PDB file of N, CA and C in Angstrom:
ATOM      1  N   MET A   1      49.427 138.421 100.687  1.00  0.00           N
ATOM      2  CA  MET A   1      50.037 139.204  99.503  1.00  0.00           C
ATOM      3  C   MET A   1      49.192 140.079  98.908  1.00  0.00           C
ATOM      4  N   GLY A   2      48.050 139.352  98.630  1.00  0.00           N
ATOM      5  CA  GLY A   2      46.895 140.365  97.784  1.00  0.00           C
ATOM      6  C   GLY A   2      46.526 141.625  98.909  1.00  0.00           C
ATOM      7  N   SER A   3      46.662 141.265 100.044  1.00  0.00           N
ATOM      8  CA  SER A   3      46.182 142.537 100.702  1.00  0.00           C
ATOM      9  C   SER A   3      47.336 143.626 101.041  1.00  0.00           C
ATOM     10  N   LYS A   4      48.731 143.454 100.745  1.00  0.00           N
ATOM     11  CA  LYS A   4      49.656 144.313 100.784  1.00  0.00           C
ATOM     12  C   LYS A   4      49.584 145.085  99.321  1.00  0.00           C
ATOM     13  N   ILE A   5      49.238 144.532  98.124  1.00  0.00           N
ATOM     14  CA  ILE A   5      48.830 144.993  97.096  1.00  0.00           C
ATOM     15  C   ILE A   5      47.776 146.207  97.269  1.00  0.00           C
ATOM     16  N   GLU A   6      46.931 145.567  97.628  1.00  0.00           N
ATOM     17  CA  GLU A   6      45.315 146.281  97.940  1.00  0.00           C
ATOM     18  C   GLU A   6      45.700 147.715  99.193  1.00  0.00           C
ATOM     19  N   GLU A   7      46.802 147.322  99.770  1.00  0.00           N
ATOM     20  CA  GLU A   7      46.932 148.454 100.856  1.00  0.00           C
ATOM     21  C   GLU A   7      47.736 149.457 100.103  1.00  0.00           C
ATOM     22  N   ARG A   8      48.820 149.371  99.402  1.00  0.00           N
ATOM     23  CA  ARG A   8      49.640 150.060  98.461  1.00  0.00           C
ATOM     24  C   ARG A   8      49.087 150.831  97.285  1.00  0.00           C
ATOM     25  N   ALA A   9      47.652 150.217  96.935  1.00  0.00           N
ATOM     26  CA  ALA A   9      46.898 150.980  96.271  1.00  0.00           C
ATOM     27  C   ALA A   9      46.389 151.729  96.604  1.00  0.00           C
ATOM     28  N   LEU A  10      45.847 151.843  97.969  1.00  0.00           N
ATOM     29  CA  LEU A  10      45.098 152.543  98.771  1.00  0.00           C
ATOM     30  C   LEU A  10      45.933 154.041  99.180  1.00  0.00           C
ATOM     31  N   VAL A  11      46.991 153.624  99.461  1.00  0.00           N
ATOM     32  CA  VAL A  11      48.055 154.607 100.086  1.00  0.00           C
ATOM     33  C   VAL A  11      48.276 155.553  98.654  1.00  0.00           C
ATOM     34  N   ALA A  12      48.479 154.795  97.103  1.00  0.00           N
ATOM     35  CA  ALA A  12      48.401 155.662  96.414  1.00  0.00           C
ATOM     36  C   ALA A  12      47.077 156.448  95.823  1.00  0.00           C
ATOM     37  N   LYS A  13      46.080 155.980  95.951  1.00  0.00           N
ATOM     38  CA  LYS A  13      44.856 156.517  96.248  1.00  0.00           C
ATOM     39  C   LYS A  13      44.650 157.876  96.824  1.00  0.00           C
ATOM     40  N   LYS A  14      44.919 157.357  98.312  1.00  0.00           N
ATOM     41  CA  LYS A  14      44.928 158.792  99.249  1.00  0.00           C
ATOM     42  C   LYS A  14      45.881 159.771  98.535  1.00  0.00           C
ATOM     43  N   SER A  15      47.135 159.504  97.984  1.00  0.00           N
ATOM     44  CA  SER A  15      48.202 160.561  97.707  1.00  0.00           C
ATOM     45  C   SER A  15      47.653 161.267  96.809  1.00  0.00           C
ATOM     46  N   LYS A  16      47.071 160.749  95.897  1.00  0.00           N
ATOM     47  CA  LYS A  16      46.513 161.240  94.442  1.00  0.00           C
ATOM     48  C   LYS A  16      45.390 162.499  95.223  1.00  0.00           C
ATOM     49  N   ILE A  17      44.595 161.619  95.863  1.00  0.00           N
ATOM     50  CA  ILE A  17      43.193 162.783  96.780  1.00  0.00           C
ATOM     51  C   ILE A  17      43.995 163.873  97.278  1.00  0.00           C
ATOM     52  N   VAL A  18      45.098 163.866  97.953  1.00  0.00           N
ATOM     53  CA  VAL A  18      45.725 164.937  98.730  1.00  0.00           C
ATOM     54  C   VAL A  18      46.322 165.773  97.924  1.00  0.00           C
ATOM     55  N   LEU A  19      46.768 165.734  96.653  1.00  0.00           N
ATOM     56  CA  LEU A  19      47.605 166.363  95.708  1.00  0.00           C
ATOM     57  C   LEU A  19      46.294 167.126  95.346  1.00  0.00           C
ATOM     58  N   LEU A  20      45.388 166.258  95.167  1.00  0.00           N
ATOM     59  CA  LEU A  20      43.785 167.203  94.120  1.00  0.00           C
ATOM     60  C   LEU A  20      43.625 168.499  95.035  1.00  0.00           C
ATOM     61  N   GLY A  21      43.542 168.016  96.474  1.00  0.00           N
ATOM     62  CA  GLY A  21      43.203 168.951  97.415  1.00  0.00           C
ATOM     63  C   GLY A  21      44.070 170.161  97.709  1.00  0.00           C
ATOM     64  N   LEU A  22      45.386 169.733  97.679  1.00  0.00           N
ATOM     65  CA  LEU A  22      46.290 171.054  97.458  1.00  0.00           C
ATOM     66  C   LEU A  22      46.049 171.880  96.183  1.00  0.00           C
ATOM     67  N   LEU A  23      45.772 171.281  94.936  1.00  0.00           N
ATOM     68  CA  LEU A  23      45.802 172.017  94.050  1.00  0.00           C
ATOM     69  C   LEU A  23      44.403 173.139  94.140  1.00  0.00           C
ATOM     70  N   ILE A  24      43.445 172.345  94.465  1.00  0.00           N
ATOM     71  CA  ILE A  24      42.173 173.077  94.786  1.00  0.00           C
ATOM     72  C   ILE A  24      42.246 174.293  95.818  1.00  0.00           C
ATOM     73  N   GLY A  25      42.955 173.661  96.734  1.00  0.00           N
ATOM     74  CA  GLY A  25      42.961 174.604  97.636  1.00  0.00           C
ATOM     75  C   GLY A  25      43.950 175.825  97.571  1.00  0.00           C
ATOM     76  N   GLY A  26      44.858 175.461  96.921  1.00  0.00           N
ATOM     77  CA  GLY A  26      45.546 176.681  96.238  1.00  0.00           C
ATOM     78  C   GLY A  26      44.944 177.514  95.322  1.00  0.00           C
ATOM     79  N   LEU A  27      44.332 176.976  94.114  1.00  0.00           N
ATOM     80  CA  LEU A  27      43.670 177.866  93.491  1.00  0.00           C
ATOM     81  C   LEU A  27      42.555 178.738  94.211  1.00  0.00           C
ATOM     82  N   ALA A  28      41.734 177.970  95.118  1.00  0.00           N
ATOM     83  CA  ALA A  28      40.976 179.031  95.947  1.00  0.00           C
ATOM     84  C   ALA A  28      41.528 180.000  96.684  1.00  0.00           C
ATOM     85  N   GLY A  29      42.784 179.838  97.233  1.00  0.00           N
ATOM     86  CA  GLY A  29      43.596 180.809  97.927  1.00  0.00           C
ATOM     87  C   GLY A  29      44.057 182.117  96.655  1.00  0.00           C
ATOM     88  N   ALA A  30      44.781 181.896  95.754  1.00  0.00           N
ATOM     89  CA  ALA A  30      44.790 182.468  94.762  1.00  0.00           C
ATOM     90  C   ALA A  30      43.609 183.375  94.443  1.00  0.00           C
ATOM     91  N   ALA A  31      42.694 183.002  94.099  1.00  0.00           N
ATOM     92  CA  ALA A  31      41.130 183.558  93.969  1.00  0.00           C
ATOM     93  C   ALA A  31      40.829 184.404  95.079  1.00  0.00           C
ATOM     94  N   THR A  32      40.775 184.336  96.072  1.00  0.00           N
ATOM     95  CA  THR A  32      40.430 184.970  97.358  1.00  0.00           C
ATOM     96  C   THR A  32      41.476 186.196  97.528  1.00  0.00           C
ATOM     97  N   MET A  33      42.819 185.550  97.224  1.00  0.00           N
ATOM     98  CA  MET A  33      44.096 186.989  97.245  1.00  0.00           C
ATOM     99  C   MET A  33      43.806 188.004  96.383  1.00  0.00           C
ATOM    100  N   LEU A  34      43.225 187.465  95.233  1.00  0.00           N
ATOM    101  CA  LEU A  34      42.972 188.393  93.892  1.00  0.00           C
ATOM    102  C   LEU A  34      41.819 189.509  94.608  1.00  0.00           C
ATOM    103  N   LEU A  35      40.702 188.694  95.248  1.00  0.00           N
ATOM    104  CA  LEU A  35      39.521 189.520  95.568  1.00  0.00           C
ATOM    105  C   LEU A  35      39.969 190.503  96.366  1.00  0.00           C
ATOM    106  N   PHE A  36      40.279 190.185  97.407  1.00  0.00           N
ATOM    107  CA  PHE A  36      40.680 190.977  98.838  1.00  0.00           C
ATOM    108  C   PHE A  36      42.202 191.857  99.034  1.00  0.00           C
ATOM    109  N   ALA A  37      42.886 191.690  97.463  1.00  0.00           N
ATOM    110  CA  ALA A  37      44.007 192.435  97.755  1.00  0.00           C
ATOM    111  C   ALA A  37      43.865 193.985  97.898  1.00  0.00           C
ATOM    112  N   PRO A  38      44.617 194.509  98.987  1.00  0.00           N
ATOM    113  CA  PRO A  38      44.641 196.160  99.046  1.00  0.00           C
ATOM    114  C   PRO A  38      45.985 196.775  98.347  1.00  0.00           C
ATOM    115  N   LYS A  39      46.448 196.194  97.531  1.00  0.00           N
ATOM    116  CA  LYS A  39      47.577 196.709  96.860  1.00  0.00           C
ATOM    117  C   LYS A  39      47.449 197.031  95.551  1.00  0.00           C
ATOM    118  N   SER A  40      48.146 197.834  95.103  1.00  0.00           N
ATOM    119  CA  SER A  40      48.118 198.383  93.404  1.00  0.00           C
ATOM    120  C   SER A  40      48.150 196.754  92.704  1.00  0.00           C
ATOM    121  N   GLY A  41      47.704 197.030  91.496  1.00  0.00           N
ATOM    122  CA  GLY A  41      47.835 195.955  90.455  1.00  0.00           C
ATOM    123  C   GLY A  41      49.166 195.216  90.144  1.00  0.00           C
ATOM    124  N   LYS A  42      49.773 196.389  90.031  1.00  0.00           N
ATOM    125  CA  LYS A  42      51.605 195.786  89.609  1.00  0.00           C
ATOM    126  C   LYS A  42      51.907 195.103  90.886  1.00  0.00           C
ATOM    127  N   LYS A  43      52.038 195.858  92.198  1.00  0.00           N
ATOM    128  CA  LYS A  43      52.414 194.752  93.536  1.00  0.00           C
ATOM    129  C   LYS A  43      51.642 193.601  93.226  1.00  0.00           C
ATOM    130  N   THR A  44      50.528 193.654  93.292  1.00  0.00           N
ATOM    131  CA  THR A  44      49.740 192.389  93.467  1.00  0.00           C
ATOM    132  C   THR A  44      50.248 191.345  92.378  1.00  0.00           C
ATOM    133  N   ARG A  45      50.403 191.841  91.344  1.00  0.00           N
ATOM    134  CA  ARG A  45      50.922 190.763  89.932  1.00  0.00           C
ATOM    135  C   ARG A  45      52.599 190.236  90.612  1.00  0.00           C
ATOM    136  N   ALA A  46      53.394 191.228  90.935  1.00  0.00           N
ATOM    137  CA  ALA A  46      54.491 190.653  91.487  1.00  0.00           C
ATOM    138  C   ALA A  46      54.214 189.679  92.428  1.00  0.00           C
ATOM    139  N   ASP A  47      53.763 189.905  93.573  1.00  0.00           N
ATOM    140  CA  ASP A  47      53.259 188.859  94.774  1.00  0.00           C
ATOM    141  C   ASP A  47      52.529 187.850  93.725  1.00  0.00           C
ATOM    142  N   ILE A  48      51.714 187.883  93.482  1.00  0.00           N
ATOM    143  CA  ILE A  48      51.031 186.547  92.583  1.00  0.00           C
ATOM    144  C   ILE A  48      52.268 185.448  91.872  1.00  0.00           C
ATOM    145  N   GLN A  49      53.188 186.504  91.181  1.00  0.00           N
ATOM    146  CA  GLN A  49      54.230 185.587  90.468  1.00  0.00           C
ATOM    147  C   GLN A  49      55.069 185.229  91.651  1.00  0.00           C
ATOM    148  N   LEU A  50      55.701 185.663  92.727  1.00  0.00           N
ATOM    149  CA  LEU A  50      56.390 185.163  93.324  1.00  0.00           C
ATOM    150  C   LEU A  50      55.647 184.091  94.312  1.00  0.00           C
ATOM    151  N   LYS A  51      54.723 184.174  94.569  1.00  0.00           N
ATOM    152  CA  LYS A  51      53.782 182.937  95.428  1.00  0.00           C
ATOM    153  C   LYS A  51      53.309 181.876  94.474  1.00  0.00           C
ATOM    154  N   SER A  52      53.314 181.842  93.306  1.00  0.00           N
ATOM    155  CA  SER A  52      53.116 181.011  92.214  1.00  0.00           C
ATOM    156  C   SER A  52      54.115 180.083  92.306  1.00  0.00           C
ATOM    157  N   ILE A  53      55.312 181.170  92.062  1.00  0.00           N
ATOM    158  CA  ILE A  53      56.704 180.141  92.266  1.00  0.00           C
ATOM    159  C   ILE A  53      57.182 179.311  93.104  1.00  0.00           C
ATOM    160  N   GLN A  54      56.614 179.589  94.375  1.00  0.00           N
ATOM    161  CA  GLN A  54      56.603 178.985  95.588  1.00  0.00           C
ATOM    162  C   GLN A  54      56.227 178.075  95.671  1.00  0.00           C
ATOM    163  N   TRP A  55      54.819 178.057  95.333  1.00  0.00           N
ATOM    164  CA  TRP A  55      53.829 176.834  95.335  1.00  0.00           C
ATOM    165  C   TRP A  55      54.217 175.922  94.144  1.00  0.00           C
ATOM    166  N   ARG A  56      54.602 176.404  93.051  1.00  0.00           N
ATOM    167  CA  ARG A  56      55.129 175.268  91.941  1.00  0.00           C
ATOM    168  C   ARG A  56      56.394 174.433  92.755  1.00  0.00           C
ATOM    169  N   ASP A  57      57.189 174.972  93.455  1.00  0.00           N
ATOM    170  CA  ASP A  57      58.487 174.640  93.635  1.00  0.00           C
ATOM    171  C   ASP A  57      58.084 173.743  94.840  1.00  0.00           C
ATOM    172  N   ARG A  58      57.130 173.780  95.929  1.00  0.00           N
ATOM    173  CA  ARG A  58      56.845 172.847  96.908  1.00  0.00           C
ATOM    174  C   ARG A  58      55.690 172.137  95.907  1.00  0.00           C
ATOM    175  N   THR A  59      54.794 172.058  95.306  1.00  0.00           N
ATOM    176  CA  THR A  59      54.408 170.976  94.590  1.00  0.00           C
ATOM    177  C   THR A  59      54.975 170.172  93.766  1.00  0.00           C
ATOM    178  N   THR A  60      56.004 170.497  93.076  1.00  0.00           N
ATOM    179  CA  THR A  60      56.955 169.978  92.549  1.00  0.00           C
ATOM    180  C   THR A  60      57.748 169.007  93.483  1.00  0.00           C
ATOM    181  N   ASP A  61      58.115 169.494  94.659  1.00  0.00           N
ATOM    182  CA  ASP A  61      59.036 168.723  95.708  1.00  0.00           C
ATOM    183  C   ASP A  61      57.912 167.756  96.263  1.00  0.00           C
ATOM    184  N   LEU A  62      56.710 167.943  96.319  1.00  0.00           N
ATOM    185  CA  LEU A  62      55.797 166.772  97.096  1.00  0.00           C
ATOM    186  C   LEU A  62      55.403 165.886  95.811  1.00  0.00           C
ATOM    187  N   VAL A  63      55.508 166.171  94.692  1.00  0.00           N
ATOM    188  CA  VAL A  63      55.066 165.098  93.589  1.00  0.00           C
ATOM    189  C   VAL A  63      56.247 164.312  93.728  1.00  0.00           C
ATOM    190  N   LYS A  64      57.681 164.883  93.704  1.00  0.00           N
ATOM    191  CA  LYS A  64      58.914 164.000  93.349  1.00  0.00           C
ATOM    192  C   LYS A  64      59.107 163.181  94.718  1.00  0.00           C
ATOM    193  N   ASN A  65      58.404 163.537  95.934  1.00  0.00           N
ATOM    194  CA  ASN A  65      58.526 162.491  97.554  1.00  0.00           C
ATOM    195  C   ASN A  65      57.568 161.637  96.794  1.00  0.00           C
ATOM    196  N   THR A  66      56.339 162.097  96.414  1.00  0.00           N
ATOM    197  CA  THR A  66      55.367 161.145  96.390  1.00  0.00           C
ATOM    198  C   THR A  66      55.837 160.041  95.477  1.00  0.00           C
ATOM    199  N   LEU A  67      56.097 160.384  94.127  1.00  0.00           N
ATOM    200  CA  LEU A  67      56.525 159.298  93.082  1.00  0.00           C
ATOM    201  C   LEU A  67      57.717 158.398  93.957  1.00  0.00           C
ATOM    202  N   ALA A  68      58.526 158.797  94.676  1.00  0.00           N
ATOM    203  CA  ALA A  68      59.467 158.243  95.196  1.00  0.00           C
ATOM    204  C   ALA A  68      59.124 157.050  96.025  1.00  0.00           C
ATOM    205  N   HIS A  69      58.197 157.558  96.941  1.00  0.00           N
ATOM    206  CA  HIS A  69      57.414 156.365  97.771  1.00  0.00           C
ATOM    207  C   HIS A  69      56.398 155.185  96.784  1.00  0.00           C
ATOM    208  N   VAL A  70      55.851 156.239  95.883  1.00  0.00           N
ATOM    209  CA  VAL A  70      55.398 155.064  95.104  1.00  0.00           C
ATOM    210  C   VAL A  70      56.048 153.893  94.382  1.00  0.00           C
ATOM    211  N   ARG A  71      57.285 154.659  94.105  1.00  0.00           N
ATOM    212  CA  ARG A  71      58.482 153.506  93.207  1.00  0.00           C
ATOM    213  C   ARG A  71      58.955 152.658  94.530  1.00  0.00           C
ATOM    214  N   SER A  72      58.958 152.891  95.451  1.00  0.00           N
ATOM    215  CA  SER A  72      60.069 152.370  96.483  1.00  0.00           C
ATOM    216  C   SER A  72      58.919 151.220  96.994  1.00  0.00           C
ATOM    217  N   ASP A  73      57.536 151.562  96.971  1.00  0.00           N
ATOM    218  CA  ASP A  73      56.549 150.379  97.344  1.00  0.00           C
ATOM    219  C   ASP A  73      56.135 149.775  96.358  1.00  0.00           C
ATOM    220  N   THR A  74      56.492 149.923  94.775  1.00  0.00           N
ATOM    221  CA  THR A  74      56.205 149.160  93.866  1.00  0.00           C
ATOM    222  C   THR A  74      57.516 147.915  93.679  1.00  0.00           C
ATOM    223  N   ARG A  75      58.453 148.696  94.305  1.00  0.00           N
ATOM    224  CA  ARG A  75      60.083 147.735  94.227  1.00  0.00           C
ATOM    225  C   ARG A  75      59.711 146.674  95.219  1.00  0.00           C
ATOM    226  N   ALA A  76      58.926 147.103  96.316  1.00  0.00           N
ATOM    227  CA  ALA A  76      58.961 146.222  97.447  1.00  0.00           C
ATOM    228  C   ALA A  76      57.780 145.115  97.301  1.00  0.00           C
ATOM    229  N   VAL A  77      56.760 145.554  96.321  1.00  0.00           N
ATOM    230  CA  VAL A  77      55.695 144.311  96.062  1.00  0.00           C
ATOM    231  C   VAL A  77      56.144 143.559  95.174  1.00  0.00           C
ATOM    232  N   THR A  78      57.149 144.065  93.871  1.00  0.00           N
ATOM    233  CA  THR A  78      57.424 143.097  93.206  1.00  0.00           C
ATOM    234  C   THR A  78      58.535 142.175  93.652  1.00  0.00           C
ATOM    235  N   ALA A  79      59.144 143.002  94.812  1.00  0.00           N
ATOM    236  CA  ALA A  79      60.416 141.918  95.483  1.00  0.00           C
ATOM    237  C   ALA A  79      59.640 140.728  96.128  1.00  0.00           C
ATOM    238  N   ASP A  80      58.702 141.043  96.606  1.00  0.00           N
ATOM    239  CA  ASP A  80      57.851 140.273  97.293  1.00  0.00           C
ATOM    240  C   ASP A  80      57.069 139.067  96.604  1.00  0.00           C
ATOM    241  N   MET A  81      56.812 139.482  95.297  1.00  0.00           N
ATOM    242  CA  MET A  81      56.233 138.594  94.357  1.00  0.00           C
ATOM    243  C   MET A  81      57.316 137.407  93.865  1.00  0.00           C
ATOM    244  N   HIS A  82      58.588 137.989  93.933  1.00  0.00           N
ATOM    245  CA  HIS A  82      59.759 136.920  93.225  1.00  0.00           C
ATOM    246  C   HIS A  82      60.042 135.951  94.390  1.00  0.00           C
TER     247      HIS A  82
END
């Protein structure tokens, strides 16, 4: 039983690492886009706003899915304990 808990904790830790990697990668991509943008400032700002909204929506979906998996795994572990 202890190994299931440890395994689920490892999965949760890996999920956090993936989310952190996505965040860092997104920030690096945004910075690169700003440095190499061949468009006017107004157009670039509009593009950044659009992309940031898209990334926010994707990240929100990913976090919701991850939380749903964690909650499901938590329920499974607590059910196994009873």
